[in-house]
All heavy atoms as atom14 arrays in JSON, in Angstrom:
{
  "sequence": "IYKDDNGDSYLNPDSSEAYSYIKSIVEEVRAMGVSVFILTDCNLPDEI",
  "atom14_mask": [
    [1, 1, 1, 1, 1, 1, 1, 1, 0, 0, 0, 0, 0, 0],
    [1, 1, 1, 1, 1, 1, 1, 1, 1, 1, 1, 1, 0, 0],
    [1, 1, 1, 1, 1, 1, 1, 1, 1, 0, 0, 0, 0, 0],
    [1, 1, 1, 1, 1, 1, 1, 1, 0, 0, 0, 0, 0, 0],
    [1, 1, 1, 1, 1, 1, 1, 1, 0, 0, 0, 0, 0, 0],
    [1, 1, 1, 1, 1, 1, 1, 1, 0, 0, 0, 0, 0, 0],
    [1, 1, 1, 1, 0, 0, 0, 0, 0, 0, 0, 0, 0, 0],
    [1, 1, 1, 1, 1, 1, 1, 1, 0, 0, 0, 0, 0, 0],
    [1, 1, 1, 1, 1, 1, 0, 0, 0, 0, 0, 0, 0, 0],
    [1, 1, 1, 1, 1, 1, 1, 1, 1, 1, 1, 1, 0, 0],
    [1, 1, 1, 1, 1, 1, 1, 1, 0, 0, 0, 0, 0, 0],
    [1, 1, 1, 1, 1, 1, 1, 1, 0, 0, 0, 0, 0, 0],
    [1, 1, 1, 1, 1, 1, 1, 0, 0, 0, 0, 0, 0, 0],
    [1, 1, 1, 1, 1, 1, 1, 1, 0, 0, 0, 0, 0, 0],
    [1, 1, 1, 1, 1, 1, 0, 0, 0, 0, 0, 0, 0, 0],
    [1, 1, 1, 1, 1, 1, 0, 0, 0, 0, 0, 0, 0, 0],
    [1, 1, 1, 1, 1, 1, 1, 1, 1, 0, 0, 0, 0, 0],
    [1, 1, 1, 1, 1, 0, 0, 0, 0, 0, 0, 0, 0, 0],
    [1, 1, 1, 1, 1, 1, 1, 1, 1, 1, 1, 1, 0, 0],
    [1, 1, 1, 1, 1, 1, 0, 0, 0, 0, 0, 0, 0, 0],
    [1, 1, 1, 1, 1, 1, 1, 1, 1, 1, 1, 1, 0, 0],
    [1, 1, 1, 1, 1, 1, 1, 1, 0, 0, 0, 0, 0, 0],
    [1, 1, 1, 1, 1, 1, 1, 1, 1, 0, 0, 0, 0, 0],
    [1, 1, 1, 1, 1, 1, 0, 0, 0, 0, 0, 0, 0, 0],
    [1, 1, 1, 1, 1, 1, 1, 1, 0, 0, 0, 0, 0, 0],
    [1, 1, 1, 1, 1, 1, 1, 0, 0, 0, 0, 0, 0, 0],
    [1, 1, 1, 1, 1, 1, 1, 1, 1, 0, 0, 0, 0, 0],
    [1, 1, 1, 1, 1, 1, 1, 1, 1, 0, 0, 0, 0, 0],
    [1, 1, 1, 1, 1, 1, 1, 0, 0, 0, 0, 0, 0, 0],
    [1, 1, 1, 1, 1, 1, 1, 1, 1, 1, 1, 0, 0, 0],
    [1, 1, 1, 1, 1, 0, 0, 0, 0, 0, 0, 0, 0, 0],
    [1, 1, 1, 1, 1, 1, 1, 1, 0, 0, 0, 0, 0, 0],
    [1, 1, 1, 1, 0, 0, 0, 0, 0, 0, 0, 0, 0, 0],
    [1, 1, 1, 1, 1, 1, 1, 0, 0, 0, 0, 0, 0, 0],
    [1, 1, 1, 1, 1, 1, 0, 0, 0, 0, 0, 0, 0, 0],
    [1, 1, 1, 1, 1, 1, 1, 0, 0, 0, 0, 0, 0, 0],
    [1, 1, 1, 1, 1, 1, 1, 1, 1, 1, 1, 0, 0, 0],
    [1, 1, 1, 1, 1, 1, 1, 1, 0, 0, 0, 0, 0, 0],
    [1, 1, 1, 1, 1, 1, 1, 1, 0, 0, 0, 0, 0, 0],
    [1, 1, 1, 1, 1, 1, 1, 0, 0, 0, 0, 0, 0, 0],
    [1, 1, 1, 1, 1, 1, 1, 1, 0, 0, 0, 0, 0, 0],
    [1, 1, 1, 1, 1, 1, 0, 0, 0, 0, 0, 0, 0, 0],
    [1, 1, 1, 1, 1, 1, 1, 1, 0, 0, 0, 0, 0, 0],
    [1, 1, 1, 1, 1, 1, 1, 1, 0, 0, 0, 0, 0, 0],
    [1, 1, 1, 1, 1, 1, 1, 0, 0, 0, 0, 0, 0, 0],
    [1, 1, 1, 1, 1, 1, 1, 1, 0, 0, 0, 0, 0, 0],
    [1, 1, 1, 1, 1, 1, 1, 1, 1, 0, 0, 0, 0, 0],
    [1, 1, 1, 1, 1, 1, 1, 1, 0, 0, 0, 0, 0, 0]
  ],
  "atom14_positions": [
    [[16.77, -2.14, -3.43], [15.49, -1.52, -3.09], [15.45, -0.11, -3.69], [16.35, 0.71, -3.44], [15.28, -1.46, -1.57], [15.17, -2.89, -1.01], [14.02, -0.66, -1.23], [15.03, -2.94, 0.5], [0.0, 0.0, 0.0], [0.0, 0.0, 0.0], [0.0, 0.0, 0.0], [0.0, 0.0, 0.0], [0.0, 0.0, 0.0], [0.0, 0.0, 0.0]],
    [[14.43, 0.15, -4.48], [14.31, 1.45, -5.14], [13.96, 2.55, -4.14], [13.12, 2.36, -3.25], [13.24, 1.38, -6.23], [12.85, 2.74, -6.76], [13.62, 3.39, -7.72], [11.7, 3.38, -6.28], [13.26, 4.63, -8.2], [11.33, 4.63, -6.76], [12.13, 5.25, -7.7], [11.77, 6.49, -8.17], [0.0, 0.0, 0.0], [0.0, 0.0, 0.0]],
    [[14.58, 3.71, -4.31], [14.25, 4.9, -3.52], [14.12, 6.09, -4.46], [14.92, 6.24, -5.39], [15.34, 5.19, -2.48], [15.42, 4.14, -1.38], [16.46, 4.52, -0.33], [16.51, 3.49, 0.77], [17.5, 3.85, 1.83], [0.0, 0.0, 0.0], [0.0, 0.0, 0.0], [0.0, 0.0, 0.0], [0.0, 0.0, 0.0], [0.0, 0.0, 0.0]],
    [[13.1, 6.89, -4.21], [12.92, 8.08, -5.05], [13.82, 9.2, -4.58], [14.68, 9.02, -3.69], [11.44, 8.51, -5.05], [10.93, 8.88, -3.67], [11.76, 9.12, -2.76], [9.7, 8.95, -3.49], [0.0, 0.0, 0.0], [0.0, 0.0, 0.0], [0.0, 0.0, 0.0], [0.0, 0.0, 0.0], [0.0, 0.0, 0.0], [0.0, 0.0, 0.0]],
    [[13.64, 10.39, -5.14], [14.51, 11.52, -4.82], [14.41, 11.95, -3.36], [15.32, 12.59, -2.82], [14.17, 12.71, -5.73], [14.5, 12.43, -7.19], [15.34, 11.54, -7.44], [13.9, 13.08, -8.07], [0.0, 0.0, 0.0], [0.0, 0.0, 0.0], [0.0, 0.0, 0.0], [0.0, 0.0, 0.0], [0.0, 0.0, 0.0], [0.0, 0.0, 0.0]],
    [[13.29, 11.62, -2.72], [13.1, 11.97, -1.32], [13.55, 10.85, -0.38], [13.4, 10.97, 0.85], [11.64, 12.3, -1.04], [11.17, 13.52, -1.8], [11.91, 14.51, -1.92], [9.95, 13.47, -2.32], [0.0, 0.0, 0.0], [0.0, 0.0, 0.0], [0.0, 0.0, 0.0], [0.0, 0.0, 0.0], [0.0, 0.0, 0.0], [0.0, 0.0, 0.0]],
    [[14.06, 9.78, -0.94], [14.52, 8.67, -0.11], [13.42, 7.7, 0.29], [13.64, 6.83, 1.15], [0.0, 0.0, 0.0], [0.0, 0.0, 0.0], [0.0, 0.0, 0.0], [0.0, 0.0, 0.0], [0.0, 0.0, 0.0], [0.0, 0.0, 0.0], [0.0, 0.0, 0.0], [0.0, 0.0, 0.0], [0.0, 0.0, 0.0], [0.0, 0.0, 0.0]],
    [[12.23, 7.8, -0.32], [11.12, 6.91, 0.01], [11.18, 5.65, -0.84], [11.5, 5.7, -2.04], [9.79, 7.62, -0.23], [9.61, 8.82, 0.68], [9.97, 8.73, 1.87], [9.12, 9.86, 0.19], [0.0, 0.0, 0.0], [0.0, 0.0, 0.0], [0.0, 0.0, 0.0], [0.0, 0.0, 0.0], [0.0, 0.0, 0.0], [0.0, 0.0, 0.0]],
    [[10.83, 4.53, -0.24], [10.76, 3.26, -0.96], [9.31, 2.81, -1.03], [8.43, 3.33, -0.33], [11.64, 2.21, -0.29], [11.33, 2.08, 1.08], [0.0, 0.0, 0.0], [0.0, 0.0, 0.0], [0.0, 0.0, 0.0], [0.0, 0.0, 0.0], [0.0, 0.0, 0.0], [0.0, 0.0, 0.0], [0.0, 0.0, 0.0], [0.0, 0.0, 0.0]],
    [[9.06, 1.77, -1.87], [7.69, 1.41, -2.2], [7.49, -0.11, -2.13], [8.43, -0.89, -2.37], [7.33, 1.89, -3.6], [7.35, 3.39, -3.74], [8.55, 4.08, -3.9], [6.18, 4.12, -3.71], [8.58, 5.46, -4.02], [6.19, 5.51, -3.82], [7.39, 6.16, -3.98], [7.42, 7.54, -4.09], [0.0, 0.0, 0.0], [0.0, 0.0, 0.0]],
    [[6.24, -0.5, -1.83], [5.86, -1.91, -1.86], [5.62, -2.33, -3.29], [5.16, -1.55, -4.13], [4.59, -2.14, -1.03], [4.7, -1.88, 0.48], [3.33, -2.08, 1.14], [5.74, -2.78, 1.12], [0.0, 0.0, 0.0], [0.0, 0.0, 0.0], [0.0, 0.0, 0.0], [0.0, 0.0, 0.0], [0.0, 0.0, 0.0], [0.0, 0.0, 0.0]],
    [[5.9, -3.58, -3.57], [5.73, -4.14, -4.91], [4.26, -4.5, -5.13], [3.73, -5.37, -4.42], [6.61, -5.38, -5.05], [6.57, -5.95, -6.45], [5.72, -5.61, -7.26], [7.5, -6.85, -6.74], [0.0, 0.0, 0.0], [0.0, 0.0, 0.0], [0.0, 0.0, 0.0], [0.0, 0.0, 0.0], [0.0, 0.0, 0.0], [0.0, 0.0, 0.0]],
    [[3.57, -3.87, -6.08], [2.16, -4.19, -6.33], [1.92, -5.65, -6.71], [0.81, -6.16, -6.53], [1.78, -3.26, -7.49], [2.78, -2.16, -7.43], [4.05, -2.79, -6.94], [0.0, 0.0, 0.0], [0.0, 0.0, 0.0], [0.0, 0.0, 0.0], [0.0, 0.0, 0.0], [0.0, 0.0, 0.0], [0.0, 0.0, 0.0], [0.0, 0.0, 0.0]],
    [[2.93, -6.33, -7.23], [2.78, -7.72, -7.63], [3.19, -8.7, -6.54], [3.13, -9.92, -6.74], [3.62, -7.98, -8.89], [3.2, -7.09, -10.05], [1.99, -6.83, -10.18], [4.08, -6.64, -10.81], [0.0, 0.0, 0.0], [0.0, 0.0, 0.0], [0.0, 0.0, 0.0], [0.0, 0.0, 0.0], [0.0, 0.0, 0.0], [0.0, 0.0, 0.0]],
    [[3.58, -8.17, -5.38], [4.0, -9.03, -4.28], [2.79, -9.48, -3.47], [1.99, -8.66, -3.02], [4.98, -8.28, -3.37], [5.19, -8.97, -2.16], [0.0, 0.0, 0.0], [0.0, 0.0, 0.0], [0.0, 0.0, 0.0], [0.0, 0.0, 0.0], [0.0, 0.0, 0.0], [0.0, 0.0, 0.0], [0.0, 0.0, 0.0], [0.0, 0.0, 0.0]],
    [[2.67, -10.79, -3.26], [1.57, -11.32, -2.46], [1.71, -10.9, -1.01], [0.7, -10.68, -0.31], [1.53, -12.85, -2.56], [2.75, -13.42, -2.12], [0.0, 0.0, 0.0], [0.0, 0.0, 0.0], [0.0, 0.0, 0.0], [0.0, 0.0, 0.0], [0.0, 0.0, 0.0], [0.0, 0.0, 0.0], [0.0, 0.0, 0.0], [0.0, 0.0, 0.0]],
    [[2.96, -10.76, -0.52], [3.17, -10.31, 0.86], [2.69, -8.86, 1.04], [2.06, -8.53, 2.04], [4.65, -10.41, 1.23], [5.19, -11.82, 1.38], [5.61, -12.41, 0.05], [5.46, -11.72, -0.99], [6.09, -13.57, 0.03], [0.0, 0.0, 0.0], [0.0, 0.0, 0.0], [0.0, 0.0, 0.0], [0.0, 0.0, 0.0], [0.0, 0.0, 0.0]],
    [[3.0, -8.03, 0.05], [2.57, -6.64, 0.13], [1.05, -6.53, 0.1], [0.45, -5.77, 0.88], [3.18, -5.84, -1.01], [0.0, 0.0, 0.0], [0.0, 0.0, 0.0], [0.0, 0.0, 0.0], [0.0, 0.0, 0.0], [0.0, 0.0, 0.0], [0.0, 0.0, 0.0], [0.0, 0.0, 0.0], [0.0, 0.0, 0.0], [0.0, 0.0, 0.0]],
    [[0.41, -7.28, -0.78], [-1.05, -7.22, -0.85], [-1.68, -7.75, 0.44], [-2.64, -7.17, 0.96], [-1.58, -8.01, -2.05], [-3.08, -8.12, -2.04], [-3.87, -7.02, -2.36], [-3.72, -9.31, -1.68], [-5.25, -7.09, -2.31], [-5.1, -9.4, -1.64], [-5.87, -8.28, -1.96], [-7.24, -8.36, -1.9], [0.0, 0.0, 0.0], [0.0, 0.0, 0.0]],
    [[-1.16, -8.86, 0.96], [-1.7, -9.42, 2.19], [-1.59, -8.44, 3.35], [-2.46, -8.38, 4.22], [-0.97, -10.73, 2.54], [-1.21, -11.71, 1.55], [0.0, 0.0, 0.0], [0.0, 0.0, 0.0], [0.0, 0.0, 0.0], [0.0, 0.0, 0.0], [0.0, 0.0, 0.0], [0.0, 0.0, 0.0], [0.0, 0.0, 0.0], [0.0, 0.0, 0.0]],
    [[-0.5, -7.66, 3.35], [-0.31, -6.66, 4.4], [-1.39, -5.58, 4.33], [-2.02, -5.24, 5.33], [1.08, -6.04, 4.25], [1.44, -5.02, 5.29], [1.37, -5.31, 6.65], [1.89, -3.75, 4.91], [1.72, -4.37, 7.6], [2.24, -2.8, 5.85], [2.16, -3.12, 7.19], [2.5, -2.18, 8.14], [0.0, 0.0, 0.0], [0.0, 0.0, 0.0]],
    [[-1.64, -5.06, 3.13], [-2.68, -4.05, 2.95], [-4.05, -4.62, 3.28], [-4.87, -3.98, 3.96], [-2.64, -3.5, 1.51], [-1.32, -2.77, 1.25], [-3.82, -2.55, 1.26], [-1.11, -2.35, -0.19], [0.0, 0.0, 0.0], [0.0, 0.0, 0.0], [0.0, 0.0, 0.0], [0.0, 0.0, 0.0], [0.0, 0.0, 0.0], [0.0, 0.0, 0.0]],
    [[-4.3, -5.82, 2.81], [-5.59, -6.46, 3.06], [-5.82, -6.66, 4.56], [-6.94, -6.43, 5.06], [-5.64, -7.81, 2.34], [-6.86, -8.64, 2.66], [-6.74, -10.04, 2.09], [-7.86, -10.94, 2.58], [-7.69, -12.34, 2.14], [0.0, 0.0, 0.0], [0.0, 0.0, 0.0], [0.0, 0.0, 0.0], [0.0, 0.0, 0.0], [0.0, 0.0, 0.0]],
    [[-4.79, -7.07, 5.29], [-4.93, -7.3, 6.73], [-5.26, -6.01, 7.48], [-6.03, -6.01, 8.44], [-3.64, -7.91, 7.29], [-3.38, -9.17, 6.7], [0.0, 0.0, 0.0], [0.0, 0.0, 0.0], [0.0, 0.0, 0.0], [0.0, 0.0, 0.0], [0.0, 0.0, 0.0], [0.0, 0.0, 0.0], [0.0, 0.0, 0.0], [0.0, 0.0, 0.0]],
    [[-4.67, -4.9, 7.04], [-4.96, -3.61, 7.65], [-6.42, -3.23, 7.42], [-7.12, -2.8, 8.35], [-4.01, -2.53, 7.09], [-2.58, -2.8, 7.55], [-4.46, -1.14, 7.52], [-1.55, -1.89, 6.92], [0.0, 0.0, 0.0], [0.0, 0.0, 0.0], [0.0, 0.0, 0.0], [0.0, 0.0, 0.0], [0.0, 0.0, 0.0], [0.0, 0.0, 0.0]],
    [[-6.9, -3.39, 6.19], [-8.31, -3.1, 5.88], [-9.21, -3.97, 6.73], [-10.22, -3.5, 7.29], [-8.59, -3.31, 4.39], [-10.08, -3.16, 4.1], [-7.79, -2.32, 3.54], [0.0, 0.0, 0.0], [0.0, 0.0, 0.0], [0.0, 0.0, 0.0], [0.0, 0.0, 0.0], [0.0, 0.0, 0.0], [0.0, 0.0, 0.0], [0.0, 0.0, 0.0]],
    [[-8.9, -5.23, 6.82], [-9.73, -6.18, 7.57], [-9.82, -5.81, 9.04], [-10.89, -5.87, 9.66], [-9.14, -7.58, 7.4], [-10.05, -8.7, 7.85], [-9.5, -10.05, 7.45], [-8.26, -10.19, 7.34], [-10.31, -10.97, 7.22], [0.0, 0.0, 0.0], [0.0, 0.0, 0.0], [0.0, 0.0, 0.0], [0.0, 0.0, 0.0], [0.0, 0.0, 0.0]],
    [[-8.69, -5.4, 9.61], [-8.66, -5.06, 11.03], [-9.46, -3.79, 11.33], [-10.22, -3.73, 12.3], [-7.2, -4.88, 11.47], [-7.0, -4.89, 12.97], [-5.54, -4.95, 13.35], [-4.71, -4.35, 12.63], [-5.23, -5.6, 14.37], [0.0, 0.0, 0.0], [0.0, 0.0, 0.0], [0.0, 0.0, 0.0], [0.0, 0.0, 0.0], [0.0, 0.0, 0.0]],
    [[-9.31, -2.78, 10.49], [-10.04, -1.52, 10.71], [-11.51, -1.68, 10.36], [-12.38, -1.05, 10.97], [-9.38, -0.39, 9.88], [-10.14, 0.91, 10.05], [-7.93, -0.21, 10.29], [0.0, 0.0, 0.0], [0.0, 0.0, 0.0], [0.0, 0.0, 0.0], [0.0, 0.0, 0.0], [0.0, 0.0, 0.0], [0.0, 0.0, 0.0], [0.0, 0.0, 0.0]],
    [[-11.81, -2.54, 9.37], [-13.21, -2.82, 9.03], [-13.95, -3.39, 10.23], [-15.12, -3.06, 10.46], [-13.26, -3.81, 7.85], [-14.66, -4.32, 7.52], [-15.51, -3.22, 6.91], [-16.86, -3.67, 6.66], [-17.87, -3.55, 7.52], [-17.66, -3.0, 8.71], [-19.09, -3.96, 7.2], [0.0, 0.0, 0.0], [0.0, 0.0, 0.0], [0.0, 0.0, 0.0]],
    [[-13.28, -4.23, 11.0], [-13.91, -4.82, 12.19], [-14.22, -3.77, 13.25], [-15.07, -3.99, 14.12], [-13.01, -5.9, 12.76], [0.0, 0.0, 0.0], [0.0, 0.0, 0.0], [0.0, 0.0, 0.0], [0.0, 0.0, 0.0], [0.0, 0.0, 0.0], [0.0, 0.0, 0.0], [0.0, 0.0, 0.0], [0.0, 0.0, 0.0], [0.0, 0.0, 0.0]],
    [[-13.56, -2.61, 13.19], [-13.82, -1.53, 14.14], [-15.03, -0.69, 13.75], [-15.48, 0.14, 14.54], [-12.58, -0.63, 14.26], [-11.35, -1.32, 14.78], [-9.93, -0.17, 14.83], [-8.63, -1.27, 15.36], [0.0, 0.0, 0.0], [0.0, 0.0, 0.0], [0.0, 0.0, 0.0], [0.0, 0.0, 0.0], [0.0, 0.0, 0.0], [0.0, 0.0, 0.0]],
    [[-15.52, -0.86, 12.52], [-16.7, -0.11, 12.09], [-16.49, 0.82, 10.92], [-17.41, 1.57, 10.55], [0.0, 0.0, 0.0], [0.0, 0.0, 0.0], [0.0, 0.0, 0.0], [0.0, 0.0, 0.0], [0.0, 0.0, 0.0], [0.0, 0.0, 0.0], [0.0, 0.0, 0.0], [0.0, 0.0, 0.0], [0.0, 0.0, 0.0], [0.0, 0.0, 0.0]],
    [[-15.31, 0.78, 10.29], [-15.06, 1.63, 9.12], [-15.37, 0.82, 7.87], [-14.87, -0.28, 7.69], [-13.59, 2.1, 9.08], [-13.33, 2.91, 7.81], [-13.28, 2.94, 10.31], [0.0, 0.0, 0.0], [0.0, 0.0, 0.0], [0.0, 0.0, 0.0], [0.0, 0.0, 0.0], [0.0, 0.0, 0.0], [0.0, 0.0, 0.0], [0.0, 0.0, 0.0]],
    [[-16.2, 1.39, 6.99], [-16.57, 0.7, 5.75], [-16.18, 1.48, 4.5], [-16.38, 1.0, 3.39], [-18.08, 0.42, 5.73], [-18.82, 1.62, 5.84], [0.0, 0.0, 0.0], [0.0, 0.0, 0.0], [0.0, 0.0, 0.0], [0.0, 0.0, 0.0], [0.0, 0.0, 0.0], [0.0, 0.0, 0.0], [0.0, 0.0, 0.0], [0.0, 0.0, 0.0]],
    [[-15.63, 2.68, 4.67], [-15.2, 3.5, 3.54], [-13.71, 3.8, 3.69], [-13.27, 4.32, 4.73], [-16.0, 4.82, 3.45], [-15.48, 5.68, 2.3], [-17.48, 4.52, 3.27], [0.0, 0.0, 0.0], [0.0, 0.0, 0.0], [0.0, 0.0, 0.0], [0.0, 0.0, 0.0], [0.0, 0.0, 0.0], [0.0, 0.0, 0.0], [0.0, 0.0, 0.0]],
    [[-12.95, 3.46, 2.65], [-11.5, 3.66, 2.69], [-11.06, 4.47, 1.47], [-11.5, 4.21, 0.35], [-10.76, 2.32, 2.69], [-10.94, 1.52, 3.96], [-12.0, 0.64, 4.1], [-10.05, 1.67, 5.01], [-12.18, -0.09, 5.25], [-10.22, 0.93, 6.19], [-11.28, 0.06, 6.31], [0.0, 0.0, 0.0], [0.0, 0.0, 0.0], [0.0, 0.0, 0.0]],
    [[-10.19, 5.44, 1.72], [-9.57, 6.22, 0.65], [-8.17, 5.65, 0.42], [-7.36, 5.59, 1.35], [-9.48, 7.71, 1.02], [-10.88, 8.28, 1.23], [-8.76, 8.5, -0.06], [-10.88, 9.71, 1.77], [0.0, 0.0, 0.0], [0.0, 0.0, 0.0], [0.0, 0.0, 0.0], [0.0, 0.0, 0.0], [0.0, 0.0, 0.0], [0.0, 0.0, 0.0]],
    [[-7.91, 5.22, -0.8], [-6.62, 4.62, -1.14], [-5.76, 5.66, -1.87], [-6.11, 6.09, -2.98], [-6.81, 3.38, -2.0], [-7.74, 2.3, -1.46], [-7.78, 1.1, -2.41], [-7.32, 1.86, -0.05], [0.0, 0.0, 0.0], [0.0, 0.0, 0.0], [0.0, 0.0, 0.0], [0.0, 0.0, 0.0], [0.0, 0.0, 0.0], [0.0, 0.0, 0.0]],
    [[-4.65, 6.06, -1.26], [-3.73, 6.99, -1.88], [-2.43, 6.28, -2.23], [-2.2, 5.14, -1.81], [-3.42, 8.18, -0.94], [-2.76, 7.69, 0.23], [-4.71, 8.88, -0.54], [0.0, 0.0, 0.0], [0.0, 0.0, 0.0], [0.0, 0.0, 0.0], [0.0, 0.0, 0.0], [0.0, 0.0, 0.0], [0.0, 0.0, 0.0], [0.0, 0.0, 0.0]],
    [[-1.58, 6.95, -2.99], [-0.27, 6.39, -3.37], [-0.41, 5.0, -3.98], [0.34, 4.08, -3.64], [0.68, 6.35, -2.16], [0.93, 7.73, -1.57], [1.25, 8.65, -2.35], [0.79, 7.89, -0.34], [0.0, 0.0, 0.0], [0.0, 0.0, 0.0], [0.0, 0.0, 0.0], [0.0, 0.0, 0.0], [0.0, 0.0, 0.0], [0.0, 0.0, 0.0]],
    [[-1.37, 4.86, -4.89], [-1.58, 3.59, -5.58], [-0.67, 3.45, -6.81], [-0.54, 2.35, -7.35], [-3.03, 3.46, -6.02], [-4.22, 3.5, -4.67], [0.0, 0.0, 0.0], [0.0, 0.0, 0.0], [0.0, 0.0, 0.0], [0.0, 0.0, 0.0], [0.0, 0.0, 0.0], [0.0, 0.0, 0.0], [0.0, 0.0, 0.0], [0.0, 0.0, 0.0]],
    [[-0.1, 4.55, -7.24], [0.74, 4.55, -8.43], [2.2, 4.7, -8.05], [2.56, 5.55, -7.23], [0.34, 5.67, -9.38], [-1.1, 5.54, -9.85], [-1.49, 4.52, -10.39], [-1.88, 6.59, -9.64], [0.0, 0.0, 0.0], [0.0, 0.0, 0.0], [0.0, 0.0, 0.0], [0.0, 0.0, 0.0], [0.0, 0.0, 0.0], [0.0, 0.0, 0.0]],
    [[3.05, 3.89, -8.65], [4.49, 4.02, -8.44], [5.02, 5.21, -9.24], [4.37, 5.68, -10.18], [5.19, 2.73, -8.89], [4.79, 1.44, -8.17], [5.53, 0.26, -8.77], [5.04, 1.55, -6.68], [0.0, 0.0, 0.0], [0.0, 0.0, 0.0], [0.0, 0.0, 0.0], [0.0, 0.0, 0.0], [0.0, 0.0, 0.0], [0.0, 0.0, 0.0]],
    [[6.19, 5.73, -8.88], [6.79, 6.81, -9.68], [6.95, 6.38, -11.13], [7.21, 5.21, -11.43], [8.15, 7.02, -9.0], [7.95, 6.56, -7.59], [6.98, 5.43, -7.67], [0.0, 0.0, 0.0], [0.0, 0.0, 0.0], [0.0, 0.0, 0.0], [0.0, 0.0, 0.0], [0.0, 0.0, 0.0], [0.0, 0.0, 0.0], [0.0, 0.0, 0.0]],
    [[6.78, 7.32, -12.04], [6.8, 7.02, -13.47], [8.08, 6.31, -13.91], [8.06, 5.44, -14.77], [6.62, 8.31, -14.28], [5.24, 8.92, -14.09], [4.32, 8.16, -13.7], [5.07, 10.12, -14.33], [0.0, 0.0, 0.0], [0.0, 0.0, 0.0], [0.0, 0.0, 0.0], [0.0, 0.0, 0.0], [0.0, 0.0, 0.0], [0.0, 0.0, 0.0]],
    [[9.19, 6.66, -13.31], [10.46, 6.1, -13.75], [10.61, 4.62, -13.42], [11.49, 3.94, -13.97], [11.62, 6.88, -13.12], [11.66, 6.8, -11.6], [12.81, 7.61, -11.03], [13.44, 8.36, -11.81], [13.08, 7.49, -9.82], [0.0, 0.0, 0.0], [0.0, 0.0, 0.0], [0.0, 0.0, 0.0], [0.0, 0.0, 0.0], [0.0, 0.0, 0.0]],
    [[9.75, 4.1, -12.52], [9.89, 2.71, -12.11], [8.61, 1.91, -12.32], [8.58, 0.68, -12.15], [10.32, 2.64, -10.62], [10.95, 1.29, -10.28], [9.14, 2.95, -9.71], [12.28, 1.07, -10.92], [0.0, 0.0, 0.0], [0.0, 0.0, 0.0], [0.0, 0.0, 0.0], [0.0, 0.0, 0.0], [0.0, 0.0, 0.0], [0.0, 0.0, 0.0]]
  ]
}
């Protein structure tokens, strides 16, 4: 599992499990009345 200099690890953008996890979070909060989402940390570190 890759870790950056700060010890943080990342989800695999090509993983269906990772995408389903993000999608499920959006779906759950959307049902509460939120329709605008800001997506941060969409890019992996350059070295990986």
